[in-house]
Amino acid sequence: MESATGVGEHNAFIRERICAALAFLGIALDADANTRNAATLSSAHRQVVVAVEPTNEEWIAASHALSCLASGKAR
């Protein structure tokens, strides 16, 4: 499972709640790693790897907008 965007990258409380609700899938969070905003958040005794993927939403939106403008699809 991957956690991205501002909330996924920087909110340990939200990540903990999401992972707790998905524990039936084999997700187990390492509380210390989660608090430190580590790149990998899953515990050693897990079936699913939980990771944080840093993103830059503003850059992605601007890149898509430029592509639309360049292709003439933006009207």
N, C-alpha and C. Protein backbone atom coordinates (compact mmCIF):
# COMPACT_ATOMS: atom_id res chain seq x y z
N MET A 1 0.85 -1.15 0.00
CA MET A 1 0.00 0.00 0.00
C MET A 1 0.90 1.22 0.00
N GLU A 2 0.52 2.22 -0.76
CA GLU A 2 1.30 3.44 -0.85
C GLU A 2 0.49 4.62 -0.34
N SER A 3 1.15 5.49 0.39
CA SER A 3 0.51 6.69 0.92
C SER A 3 1.18 7.89 0.29
N ALA A 4 0.41 8.74 -0.36
CA ALA A 4 0.99 9.91 -1.04
C ALA A 4 0.13 11.14 -0.77
N THR A 5 0.48 12.23 -1.35
CA THR A 5 -0.12 13.56 -1.19
C THR A 5 0.18 14.12 0.19
N GLY A 6 -0.20 15.35 0.42
CA GLY A 6 0.10 16.02 1.68
C GLY A 6 -0.34 15.27 2.91
N VAL A 7 -1.56 14.79 2.93
CA VAL A 7 -2.07 14.06 4.09
C VAL A 7 -1.34 12.73 4.25
N GLY A 8 -1.17 12.02 3.17
CA GLY A 8 -0.48 10.73 3.23
C GLY A 8 0.97 10.86 3.61
N GLU A 9 1.59 11.94 3.20
CA GLU A 9 3.01 12.15 3.51
C GLU A 9 3.24 12.67 4.92
N HIS A 10 2.32 13.48 5.45
CA HIS A 10 2.62 14.24 6.66
C HIS A 10 1.66 14.05 7.82
N ASN A 11 0.71 13.13 7.76
CA ASN A 11 -0.27 13.00 8.83
C ASN A 11 -0.26 11.57 9.38
N ALA A 12 0.54 11.37 10.42
CA ALA A 12 0.68 10.04 11.03
C ALA A 12 -0.65 9.53 11.58
N PHE A 13 -1.46 10.42 12.13
CA PHE A 13 -2.74 10.01 12.71
C PHE A 13 -3.66 9.42 11.64
N ILE A 14 -3.77 10.07 10.50
CA ILE A 14 -4.62 9.57 9.41
C ILE A 14 -4.08 8.24 8.89
N ARG A 15 -2.77 8.15 8.69
CA ARG A 15 -2.18 6.88 8.21
C ARG A 15 -2.47 5.75 9.18
N GLU A 16 -2.36 6.03 10.48
CA GLU A 16 -2.62 5.00 11.49
C GLU A 16 -4.07 4.52 11.42
N ARG A 17 -5.00 5.44 11.28
CA ARG A 17 -6.42 5.07 11.21
C ARG A 17 -6.71 4.26 9.96
N ILE A 18 -6.16 4.66 8.83
CA ILE A 18 -6.39 3.92 7.58
C ILE A 18 -5.81 2.52 7.68
N CYS A 19 -4.58 2.42 8.17
CA CYS A 19 -3.95 1.10 8.27
C CYS A 19 -4.65 0.21 9.29
N ALA A 20 -5.12 0.78 10.39
CA ALA A 20 -5.85 -0.02 11.38
C ALA A 20 -7.13 -0.59 10.77
N ALA A 21 -7.81 0.23 9.97
CA ALA A 21 -9.04 -0.25 9.32
C ALA A 21 -8.77 -1.32 8.28
N LEU A 22 -7.56 -1.35 7.75
CA LEU A 22 -7.21 -2.33 6.71
C LEU A 22 -6.35 -3.48 7.25
N ALA A 23 -6.28 -3.62 8.56
CA ALA A 23 -5.47 -4.67 9.18
C ALA A 23 -5.88 -6.06 8.71
N PHE A 24 -7.15 -6.24 8.38
CA PHE A 24 -7.63 -7.55 7.91
C PHE A 24 -6.96 -7.97 6.60
N LEU A 25 -6.31 -7.03 5.91
CA LEU A 25 -5.59 -7.33 4.67
C LEU A 25 -4.13 -7.71 4.93
N GLY A 26 -3.73 -7.73 6.19
CA GLY A 26 -2.35 -8.06 6.54
C GLY A 26 -1.47 -6.84 6.71
N ILE A 27 -2.08 -5.67 6.82
CA ILE A 27 -1.33 -4.43 7.00
C ILE A 27 -1.04 -4.24 8.48
N ALA A 28 0.24 -4.04 8.81
CA ALA A 28 0.64 -3.77 10.19
C ALA A 28 1.62 -2.60 10.17
N LEU A 29 1.29 -1.55 10.88
CA LEU A 29 2.07 -0.32 10.88
C LEU A 29 3.10 -0.33 12.00
N ASP A 30 4.29 0.15 11.72
CA ASP A 30 5.31 0.37 12.74
C ASP A 30 5.06 1.77 13.29
N ALA A 31 4.61 1.86 14.55
CA ALA A 31 4.21 3.14 15.14
C ALA A 31 5.35 4.15 15.15
N ASP A 32 6.58 3.71 15.44
CA ASP A 32 7.72 4.62 15.47
C ASP A 32 8.03 5.16 14.07
N ALA A 33 8.04 4.28 13.08
CA ALA A 33 8.29 4.71 11.69
C ALA A 33 7.20 5.67 11.23
N ASN A 34 5.97 5.39 11.61
CA ASN A 34 4.86 6.26 11.24
C ASN A 34 5.02 7.65 11.86
N THR A 35 5.39 7.71 13.13
CA THR A 35 5.59 8.98 13.82
C THR A 35 6.74 9.78 13.20
N ARG A 36 7.78 9.08 12.74
CA ARG A 36 8.94 9.75 12.13
C ARG A 36 8.71 10.11 10.67
N ASN A 37 7.55 9.75 10.10
CA ASN A 37 7.29 9.96 8.67
C ASN A 37 8.34 9.27 7.81
N ALA A 38 8.69 8.05 8.20
CA ALA A 38 9.70 7.28 7.46
C ALA A 38 9.17 6.90 6.08
N ALA A 39 10.07 6.51 5.20
CA ALA A 39 9.68 6.12 3.85
C ALA A 39 8.89 4.81 3.85
N THR A 40 9.28 3.87 4.73
CA THR A 40 8.55 2.60 4.87
C THR A 40 7.93 2.58 6.26
N LEU A 41 6.62 2.34 6.30
CA LEU A 41 5.87 2.43 7.55
C LEU A 41 5.43 1.09 8.11
N SER A 42 5.55 0.04 7.34
CA SER A 42 5.05 -1.26 7.79
C SER A 42 5.98 -1.87 8.82
N SER A 43 5.40 -2.69 9.69
CA SER A 43 6.18 -3.37 10.71
C SER A 43 6.91 -4.56 10.09
N ALA A 44 7.83 -5.12 10.85
CA ALA A 44 8.58 -6.28 10.37
C ALA A 44 7.67 -7.50 10.23
N HIS A 45 6.56 -7.54 10.96
CA HIS A 45 5.65 -8.69 10.96
C HIS A 45 4.39 -8.36 10.16
N ARG A 46 4.56 -8.04 8.90
CA ARG A 46 3.44 -7.65 8.05
C ARG A 46 3.39 -8.53 6.81
N GLN A 47 2.25 -8.53 6.19
CA GLN A 47 2.08 -9.23 4.92
C GLN A 47 2.08 -8.25 3.76
N VAL A 48 1.87 -6.97 4.05
CA VAL A 48 1.79 -5.92 3.04
C VAL A 48 2.77 -4.82 3.40
N VAL A 49 3.54 -4.36 2.44
CA VAL A 49 4.45 -3.24 2.67
C VAL A 49 3.66 -1.94 2.57
N VAL A 50 3.85 -1.06 3.56
CA VAL A 50 3.23 0.25 3.56
C VAL A 50 4.35 1.28 3.39
N ALA A 51 4.24 2.12 2.37
CA ALA A 51 5.29 3.09 2.09
C ALA A 51 4.69 4.46 1.82
N VAL A 52 5.51 5.48 2.00
CA VAL A 52 5.13 6.85 1.69
C VAL A 52 5.84 7.23 0.40
N GLU A 53 5.10 7.79 -0.54
CA GLU A 53 5.66 8.23 -1.81
C GLU A 53 5.50 9.75 -1.90
N PRO A 54 6.61 10.49 -1.75
CA PRO A 54 6.50 11.95 -1.87
C PRO A 54 5.99 12.35 -3.26
N THR A 55 5.11 13.32 -3.29
CA THR A 55 4.56 13.78 -4.56
C THR A 55 4.64 15.30 -4.63
N ASN A 56 4.48 15.80 -5.82
CA ASN A 56 4.45 17.24 -6.05
C ASN A 56 3.23 17.51 -6.92
N GLU A 57 2.07 17.64 -6.29
CA GLU A 57 0.81 17.79 -7.02
C GLU A 57 0.79 19.02 -7.91
N GLU A 58 1.40 20.10 -7.43
CA GLU A 58 1.39 21.33 -8.23
C GLU A 58 2.14 21.13 -9.55
N TRP A 59 3.29 20.46 -9.47
CA TRP A 59 4.07 20.20 -10.68
C TRP A 59 3.30 19.30 -11.64
N ILE A 60 2.65 18.27 -11.11
CA ILE A 60 1.89 17.34 -11.95
C ILE A 60 0.74 18.08 -12.64
N ALA A 61 0.01 18.91 -11.90
CA ALA A 61 -1.09 19.67 -12.50
C ALA A 61 -0.58 20.61 -13.58
N ALA A 62 0.53 21.30 -13.32
CA ALA A 62 1.10 22.21 -14.31
C ALA A 62 1.57 21.45 -15.54
N SER A 63 2.17 20.31 -15.34
CA SER A 63 2.64 19.48 -16.47
C SER A 63 1.47 19.05 -17.35
N HIS A 64 0.38 18.61 -16.74
CA HIS A 64 -0.80 18.21 -17.50
C HIS A 64 -1.42 19.39 -18.24
N ALA A 65 -1.45 20.55 -17.59
CA ALA A 65 -1.99 21.74 -18.24
C ALA A 65 -1.16 22.12 -19.45
N LEU A 66 0.17 22.07 -19.33
CA LEU A 66 1.04 22.38 -20.46
C LEU A 66 0.84 21.39 -21.61
N SER A 67 0.66 20.12 -21.28
CA SER A 67 0.41 19.11 -22.32
C SER A 67 -0.88 19.40 -23.06
N CYS A 68 -1.92 19.77 -22.33
CA CYS A 68 -3.20 20.11 -22.96
C CYS A 68 -3.06 21.32 -23.86
N LEU A 69 -2.35 22.34 -23.38
CA LEU A 69 -2.16 23.56 -24.18
C LEU A 69 -1.35 23.27 -25.43
N ALA A 70 -0.33 22.44 -25.31
CA ALA A 70 0.52 22.11 -26.45
C ALA A 70 -0.22 21.28 -27.49
N SER A 71 -1.16 20.46 -27.05
CA SER A 71 -1.88 19.60 -28.00
C SER A 71 -3.11 20.30 -28.59
N GLY A 72 -3.44 21.49 -28.08
CA GLY A 72 -4.60 22.21 -28.58
C GLY A 72 -5.91 21.73 -28.00
N LYS A 73 -5.86 20.87 -26.97
CA LYS A 73 -7.09 20.34 -26.37
C LYS A 73 -7.71 21.29 -25.36
N ALA A 74 -6.95 22.26 -24.89
CA ALA A 74 -7.49 23.20 -23.91
C ALA A 74 -8.30 24.26 -24.62
N ARG A 75 -9.54 24.43 -24.26
CA ARG A 75 -10.42 25.43 -24.91
C ARG A 75 -11.24 26.11 -23.86
